[in-house]
Amino acid sequence: MPIEAFDESQTDEDKASIRLGRDNLISLTSKCFTIWITPAAVAESKFVKIELSNNEAALIEDESTIDSVSEYYPEESSSREKKLDLVPIVFSILLVAAIIWMFVRANELASVKGNLESANKKISLADKDLVDKEEKISDLEKALISERDANKKASLNAKEVARIKIQKANEAFLGKVKEVGLLVKARDKIKDDYEKSKALNMKEVQELKSEIANVGEKNKQAQAQILLTDKNNESLTQKVTSLDKEKSELSKAVSAAEAATKKALNNYMTAIQIVENDLKEANEMLEQEKSNSLMMREKLDLSDSQLKKLILEIERLNAKIRDLEQPDQPFAEK
């Protein structure tokens, strides 16, 4: 119930009251008010709780009318008047409940009607879609039948073409197998030739190493002879210096001998340097021959000209060593 119905600041004309009318009948007057049932109005604090009770002692008495009326009426009519006070409250509650129920039902009917209309629209759209899909299915069935016939023909042709291709591929494969067999035989032959050539090359390399070792030994012997010559030269120099005072006439010969000795030493050193250079060249040639032998695994051939060249080089080295040995003879004669 709205609070305005119980506002005490109203005028006497607007205030709810029970008055004595004609023929001793009681007339009920009350203020008109609005019952707000919208959600926004219900949310506001315009309503209060009213508890109804059958206890006659708890009934509200009107100050302006009921006291005055009770002075002229007996006590039998007081209970009747108190019951009449409950009538507007009960009717107001029933009216509010009826209005709320009607409002709820109207909302439900409106929502049901809207749902029904939307459902009808969806059903009509679904019917149209179903018709369209049936037409599409029929078209697809026709296309599928035609494609199936075409695929049967194409598969037969493809099988024949595939059979021919497989036959050609098998023939080509057999040809490749034969070629591989021939290549394997050629590879085995080349491998055998390579092993034989490798053995020959290793043998020649060992021979060259032994020759180089012999040249090195001869070089050591030549160096030993040069050292011996140096010692002899030192002893001769000492003898010459000790005989300078006694044999002044031989000073020129001694100086000439010293010059010859120095020249011989220079010649010896030059010869040693030449021999060492030749040995280095021989070693470099040996290393080059080794690298050539490794690089020539496919060719596997060592030319005779290179062997002759090595032999000539060794002979040249031997000749130089002999030349180095020859200058010792004049000193021995002196």
Protein backbone atom coordinates (compact mmCIF):
# COMPACT_ATOMS: atom_id res chain seq x y z
CA MET A 1 0.00 0.00 0.00
CA PRO A 2 1.34 3.47 -0.80
CA ILE A 3 2.28 5.76 2.07
CA GLU A 4 0.02 8.53 0.76
CA ALA A 5 -3.06 6.57 1.90
CA PHE A 6 -2.04 7.06 5.54
CA ASP A 7 -0.71 10.62 5.38
CA GLU A 8 -1.97 12.55 8.45
CA SER A 9 -1.19 15.96 6.93
CA GLN A 10 -4.27 15.77 4.69
CA THR A 11 -7.29 18.03 5.04
CA ASP A 12 -10.45 16.85 6.72
CA GLU A 13 -12.18 16.55 3.37
CA ASP A 14 -9.45 14.36 1.88
CA LYS A 15 -8.89 12.32 5.05
CA ALA A 16 -10.33 8.81 5.08
CA SER A 17 -13.27 8.56 7.49
CA ILE A 18 -16.44 6.68 8.42
CA ARG A 19 -19.49 8.96 8.75
CA LEU A 20 -23.09 8.44 9.76
CA GLY A 21 -25.38 8.99 6.83
CA ARG A 22 -29.10 9.01 6.28
CA ASP A 23 -31.30 6.32 7.81
CA ASN A 24 -28.62 5.62 10.36
CA LEU A 25 -26.36 4.09 7.67
CA ILE A 26 -22.63 4.38 7.83
CA SER A 27 -20.95 5.94 4.76
CA LEU A 28 -17.29 5.12 4.08
CA THR A 29 -15.12 7.79 2.53
CA SER A 30 -11.44 7.45 1.59
CA LYS A 31 -8.79 9.32 -0.34
CA CYS A 32 -8.12 8.32 -3.97
CA PHE A 33 -4.54 7.22 -4.54
CA THR A 34 -2.47 5.52 -7.26
CA ILE A 35 -1.07 2.02 -6.90
CA TRP A 36 2.34 1.83 -8.63
CA ILE A 37 3.08 -1.66 -9.96
CA THR A 38 5.93 -0.97 -12.38
CA PRO A 39 9.39 -2.35 -11.46
CA ALA A 40 10.82 1.17 -11.11
CA ALA A 41 8.03 2.23 -8.75
CA VAL A 42 8.28 -0.95 -6.71
CA ALA A 43 12.03 -0.39 -6.35
CA GLU A 44 11.43 3.00 -4.71
CA SER A 45 10.72 3.29 -1.01
CA LYS A 46 7.05 4.27 -1.38
CA PHE A 47 5.58 1.13 0.17
CA VAL A 48 5.31 -0.03 3.74
CA LYS A 49 4.34 -3.34 5.24
CA ILE A 50 0.87 -3.54 6.82
CA GLU A 51 0.14 -6.43 9.11
CA LEU A 52 -3.57 -7.36 9.42
CA SER A 53 -4.78 -8.83 12.70
CA ASN A 54 -8.06 -10.25 14.03
CA ASN A 55 -7.33 -8.80 17.45
CA GLU A 56 -9.98 -6.16 18.08
CA ALA A 57 -7.80 -4.37 20.64
CA ALA A 58 -5.17 -3.70 17.94
CA LEU A 59 -7.52 -2.02 15.45
CA ILE A 60 -6.83 1.60 14.56
CA GLU A 61 -9.52 4.01 15.69
CA ASP A 62 -10.28 7.21 13.85
CA GLU A 63 -9.90 10.19 16.18
CA SER A 64 -12.33 12.44 14.38
CA THR A 65 -15.33 10.20 13.64
CA ILE A 66 -15.38 6.91 15.46
CA ASP A 67 -15.23 8.43 18.95
CA SER A 68 -18.10 10.75 18.16
CA VAL A 69 -20.19 8.01 16.66
CA SER A 70 -19.57 5.62 19.55
CA GLU A 71 -21.16 8.10 21.93
CA TYR A 72 -24.63 7.73 20.25
CA TYR A 73 -24.56 4.03 19.32
CA PRO A 74 -24.65 1.09 21.61
CA GLU A 75 -21.83 -1.37 22.01
CA GLU A 76 -23.50 -3.93 19.68
CA SER A 77 -22.79 -1.72 16.69
CA SER A 78 -19.08 -1.18 17.57
CA SER A 79 -18.06 -4.70 16.50
CA ARG A 80 -19.89 -4.23 13.21
CA GLU A 81 -18.12 -0.93 12.59
CA LYS A 82 -14.76 -2.46 13.36
CA LYS A 83 -15.39 -5.20 10.83
CA LEU A 84 -16.37 -2.60 8.25
CA ASP A 85 -12.96 -0.94 8.76
CA LEU A 86 -11.26 -4.05 7.36
CA VAL A 87 -13.30 -4.05 4.15
CA PRO A 88 -11.38 -1.35 2.20
CA ILE A 89 -8.04 -2.82 3.24
CA VAL A 90 -9.03 -6.29 2.07
CA PHE A 91 -10.43 -5.00 -1.21
CA SER A 92 -7.31 -2.89 -1.80
CA ILE A 93 -5.06 -5.91 -1.25
CA LEU A 94 -7.22 -8.02 -3.57
CA LEU A 95 -7.19 -5.26 -6.17
CA VAL A 96 -3.41 -4.94 -6.01
CA ALA A 97 -2.99 -8.71 -6.28
CA ALA A 98 -5.39 -8.85 -9.24
CA ILE A 99 -3.61 -6.01 -11.02
CA ILE A 100 -0.21 -7.59 -10.45
CA TRP A 101 -1.48 -10.96 -11.63
CA MET A 102 -3.01 -9.39 -14.76
CA PHE A 103 0.19 -7.49 -15.45
CA VAL A 104 2.27 -10.67 -15.10
CA ARG A 105 -0.13 -12.62 -17.31
CA ALA A 106 -0.10 -9.85 -19.90
CA ASN A 107 3.68 -9.88 -19.97
CA GLU A 108 3.71 -13.66 -20.25
CA LEU A 109 1.14 -13.56 -23.06
CA ALA A 110 3.11 -10.87 -24.88
CA SER A 111 6.35 -12.86 -24.57
CA VAL A 112 4.58 -16.06 -25.64
CA LYS A 113 3.04 -14.26 -28.60
CA GLY A 114 6.43 -12.84 -29.60
CA ASN A 115 8.05 -16.26 -29.23
CA LEU A 116 5.26 -17.82 -31.29
CA GLU A 117 5.70 -15.29 -34.07
CA SER A 118 9.47 -15.76 -34.11
CA ALA A 119 8.99 -19.54 -34.08
CA ASN A 120 6.58 -19.31 -37.01
CA LYS A 121 9.08 -17.18 -38.92
CA LYS A 122 11.86 -19.66 -38.17
CA ILE A 123 9.64 -22.56 -39.27
CA SER A 124 8.84 -20.81 -42.56
CA LEU A 125 12.53 -20.07 -43.14
CA ALA A 126 13.39 -23.67 -42.28
CA ASP A 127 10.77 -24.90 -44.76
CA LYS A 128 12.26 -22.70 -47.48
CA ASP A 129 15.77 -23.90 -46.64
CA LEU A 130 14.56 -27.50 -46.69
CA VAL A 131 13.05 -27.04 -50.15
CA ASP A 132 16.25 -25.41 -51.41
CA LYS A 133 18.38 -28.17 -49.90
CA GLU A 134 16.19 -30.85 -51.48
CA GLU A 135 16.65 -29.18 -54.86
CA LYS A 136 20.40 -28.96 -54.29
CA ILE A 137 20.49 -32.62 -53.24
CA SER A 138 18.68 -33.67 -56.40
CA ASP A 139 21.10 -31.61 -58.51
CA LEU A 140 24.05 -33.10 -56.66
CA GLU A 141 22.72 -36.63 -57.19
CA LYS A 142 22.45 -35.99 -60.92
CA ALA A 143 25.95 -34.51 -61.02
CA LEU A 144 27.27 -37.43 -58.95
CA ILE A 145 25.79 -39.98 -61.34
CA SER A 146 27.30 -38.20 -64.35
CA GLU A 147 30.67 -37.85 -62.61
CA ARG A 148 30.61 -41.51 -61.60
CA ASP A 149 30.10 -42.59 -65.20
CA ALA A 150 32.86 -40.26 -66.35
CA ASN A 151 35.16 -41.53 -63.59
CA LYS A 152 34.55 -45.13 -64.62
CA LYS A 153 35.60 -44.36 -68.17
CA ALA A 154 38.56 -42.30 -67.00
CA SER A 155 39.66 -45.01 -64.55
CA LEU A 156 39.66 -47.64 -67.30
CA ASN A 157 41.75 -45.39 -69.53
CA ALA A 158 44.04 -44.48 -66.63
CA LYS A 159 44.57 -48.16 -65.75
CA GLU A 160 45.61 -48.92 -69.31
CA VAL A 161 47.94 -45.93 -69.44
CA ALA A 162 49.39 -46.87 -66.04
CA ARG A 163 49.96 -50.45 -67.21
CA ILE A 164 51.86 -49.23 -70.26
CA LYS A 165 53.90 -46.80 -68.13
CA ILE A 166 54.74 -49.55 -65.61
CA GLN A 167 55.84 -51.85 -68.42
CA LYS A 168 58.11 -49.14 -69.85
CA ALA A 169 59.46 -48.36 -66.40
CA ASN A 170 60.28 -52.04 -65.79
CA GLU A 171 62.13 -52.23 -69.10
CA ALA A 172 64.07 -49.08 -68.25
CA PHE A 173 64.85 -50.47 -64.79
CA LEU A 174 66.22 -53.70 -66.25
CA GLY A 175 68.41 -51.65 -68.58
CA LYS A 176 69.70 -49.62 -65.63
CA VAL A 177 70.44 -52.84 -63.74
CA LYS A 178 72.56 -54.08 -66.63
CA GLU A 179 74.39 -50.76 -66.80
CA VAL A 180 75.05 -50.91 -63.06
CA GLY A 181 76.51 -54.40 -63.43
CA LEU A 182 78.86 -53.21 -66.17
CA LEU A 183 79.87 -50.20 -64.08
CA VAL A 184 80.61 -52.47 -61.10
CA LYS A 185 82.87 -54.64 -63.24
CA ALA A 186 84.68 -51.57 -64.58
CA ARG A 187 85.05 -50.24 -61.04
CA ASP A 188 86.60 -53.52 -59.84
CA LYS A 189 89.03 -53.49 -62.73
CA ILE A 190 90.04 -49.89 -62.07
CA LYS A 191 90.48 -50.72 -58.38
CA ASP A 192 92.80 -53.65 -59.17
CA ASP A 193 94.86 -51.50 -61.55
CA TYR A 194 95.06 -48.80 -58.91
CA GLU A 195 96.33 -51.25 -56.27
CA LYS A 196 99.00 -52.55 -58.63
CA SER A 197 100.12 -49.04 -59.62
CA LYS A 198 100.11 -48.01 -55.97
CA ALA A 199 102.42 -50.90 -55.08
CA LEU A 200 104.82 -49.95 -57.88
CA ASN A 201 104.81 -46.29 -56.84
CA MET A 202 105.49 -47.18 -53.22
CA LYS A 203 108.42 -49.34 -54.32
CA GLU A 204 109.85 -46.48 -56.40
CA VAL A 205 109.38 -44.07 -53.51
CA GLN A 206 111.30 -46.41 -51.21
CA GLU A 207 114.12 -46.57 -53.74
CA LEU A 208 114.23 -42.79 -53.96
CA LYS A 209 114.36 -42.56 -50.17
CA SER A 210 117.30 -44.97 -50.05
CA GLU A 211 119.12 -42.94 -52.73
CA ILE A 212 118.51 -39.74 -50.80
CA ALA A 213 119.87 -41.42 -47.66
CA ASN A 214 123.01 -42.38 -49.59
CA VAL A 215 123.41 -38.78 -50.78
CA GLY A 216 123.07 -37.57 -47.20
CA GLU A 217 125.73 -40.01 -46.06
CA LYS A 218 128.08 -38.80 -48.76
CA ASN A 219 127.37 -35.24 -47.72
CA LYS A 220 128.35 -36.11 -44.14
CA GLN A 221 131.59 -37.64 -45.37
CA ALA A 222 132.34 -34.50 -47.39
CA GLN A 223 131.72 -32.33 -44.35
CA ALA A 224 134.08 -34.53 -42.31
CA GLN A 225 136.75 -34.13 -44.94
CA ILE A 226 136.25 -30.37 -44.94
CA LEU A 227 136.69 -30.31 -41.17
CA LEU A 228 139.85 -32.37 -41.49
CA THR A 229 141.11 -29.93 -44.09
CA ASP A 230 140.40 -27.06 -41.74
CA LYS A 231 142.43 -28.73 -39.04
CA ASN A 232 145.30 -29.28 -41.46
CA ASN A 233 145.09 -25.65 -42.49
CA GLU A 234 145.31 -24.55 -38.88
CA SER A 235 148.38 -26.71 -38.28
CA LEU A 236 150.01 -25.39 -41.42
CA THR A 237 149.26 -21.84 -40.37
CA GLN A 238 150.91 -22.44 -37.01
CA LYS A 239 154.01 -23.91 -38.70
CA VAL A 240 154.21 -20.97 -41.07
CA THR A 241 153.94 -18.43 -38.28
CA SER A 242 156.66 -20.23 -36.26
CA LEU A 243 159.02 -20.25 -39.27
CA ASP A 244 158.42 -16.59 -40.20
CA LYS A 245 161.54 -15.38 -38.41
CA GLU A 246 163.76 -18.13 -39.80
CA LYS A 247 162.33 -18.27 -43.28
CA SER A 248 161.51 -14.69 -44.20
CA GLU A 249 162.11 -15.57 -47.81
CA LEU A 250 159.13 -17.84 -47.70
CA SER A 251 156.77 -15.11 -46.44
CA LYS A 252 155.46 -14.48 -49.90
CA ALA A 253 154.87 -18.16 -50.42
CA VAL A 254 153.21 -18.42 -47.02
CA SER A 255 150.98 -15.42 -47.74
CA ALA A 256 150.14 -16.96 -51.08
CA ALA A 257 149.42 -20.24 -49.32
CA GLU A 258 147.21 -18.44 -46.80
CA ALA A 259 145.36 -16.70 -49.60
CA ALA A 260 144.96 -20.02 -51.35
CA THR A 261 143.75 -21.57 -48.11
CA LYS A 262 141.18 -18.82 -47.61
CA LYS A 263 140.09 -19.18 -51.18
CA ALA A 264 139.85 -22.93 -50.71
CA LEU A 265 137.79 -22.41 -47.56
CA ASN A 266 135.51 -20.06 -49.42
CA ASN A 267 135.25 -22.58 -52.20
CA TYR A 268 134.52 -25.29 -49.63
CA MET A 269 131.81 -23.20 -47.99
CA THR A 270 130.32 -22.34 -51.34
CA ALA A 271 130.41 -26.00 -52.32
CA ILE A 272 128.76 -26.97 -49.03
CA GLN A 273 126.04 -24.37 -49.58
CA ILE A 274 125.53 -25.65 -53.11
CA VAL A 275 125.30 -29.22 -51.82
CA GLU A 276 122.83 -28.20 -49.14
CA ASN A 277 120.75 -26.33 -51.71
CA ASP A 278 120.86 -29.36 -53.95
CA LEU A 279 119.76 -31.54 -51.04
CA LYS A 280 116.89 -29.14 -50.33
CA GLU A 281 115.93 -29.21 -53.97
CA ALA A 282 116.09 -33.00 -53.91
CA ASN A 283 113.91 -33.10 -50.78
CA GLU A 284 111.46 -30.64 -52.36
CA MET A 285 111.42 -32.73 -55.49
CA LEU A 286 110.78 -35.81 -53.35
CA GLU A 287 107.90 -34.10 -51.57
CA GLN A 288 106.57 -32.94 -54.92
CA GLU A 289 106.84 -36.47 -56.23
CA LYS A 290 104.97 -37.73 -53.17
CA SER A 291 102.19 -35.22 -53.73
CA ASN A 292 102.15 -36.04 -57.43
CA SER A 293 101.89 -39.75 -56.63
CA LEU A 294 98.89 -39.03 -54.36
CA MET A 295 97.28 -36.72 -56.93
CA MET A 296 97.88 -39.24 -59.69
CA ARG A 297 95.88 -42.06 -58.11
CA GLU A 298 93.54 -42.05 -61.08
CA LYS A 299 96.36 -42.01 -63.62
CA LEU A 300 98.74 -44.23 -61.59
CA ASP A 301 101.73 -43.73 -63.87
CA LEU A 302 105.22 -42.34 -63.19
CA SER A 303 106.94 -41.22 -66.38
CA ASP A 304 110.44 -42.49 -67.27
CA SER A 305 111.59 -38.97 -67.98
CA GLN A 306 111.13 -38.01 -64.32
CA LEU A 307 113.13 -41.05 -63.20
CA LYS A 308 115.93 -40.18 -65.63
CA LYS A 309 115.84 -36.62 -64.39
CA LEU A 310 116.22 -37.83 -60.80
CA ILE A 311 119.11 -40.11 -61.79
CA LEU A 312 120.84 -37.24 -63.60
CA GLU A 313 120.28 -35.00 -60.58
CA ILE A 314 121.82 -37.61 -58.28
CA GLU A 315 124.77 -38.02 -60.66
CA ARG A 316 125.16 -34.25 -60.72
CA LEU A 317 125.24 -34.21 -56.93
CA ASN A 318 127.83 -36.99 -56.90
CA ALA A 319 129.93 -35.02 -59.40
CA LYS A 320 129.76 -31.93 -57.20
CA ILE A 321 130.80 -33.97 -54.19
CA ARG A 322 133.74 -35.35 -56.17
CA ASP A 323 134.64 -31.82 -57.18
CA LEU A 324 134.60 -30.84 -53.53
CA GLU A 325 136.92 -33.71 -52.69
CA GLN A 326 139.50 -32.75 -55.35
CA PRO A 327 140.80 -29.44 -53.78
CA ASP A 328 142.32 -31.38 -50.89
CA GLN A 329 145.10 -32.79 -53.13
CA PRO A 330 147.13 -29.55 -53.55
CA PHE A 331 147.36 -29.07 -49.83
CA ALA A 332 148.48 -32.61 -49.38
CA GLU A 333 151.18 -32.11 -51.99
CA LYS A 334 152.37 -28.92 -50.28
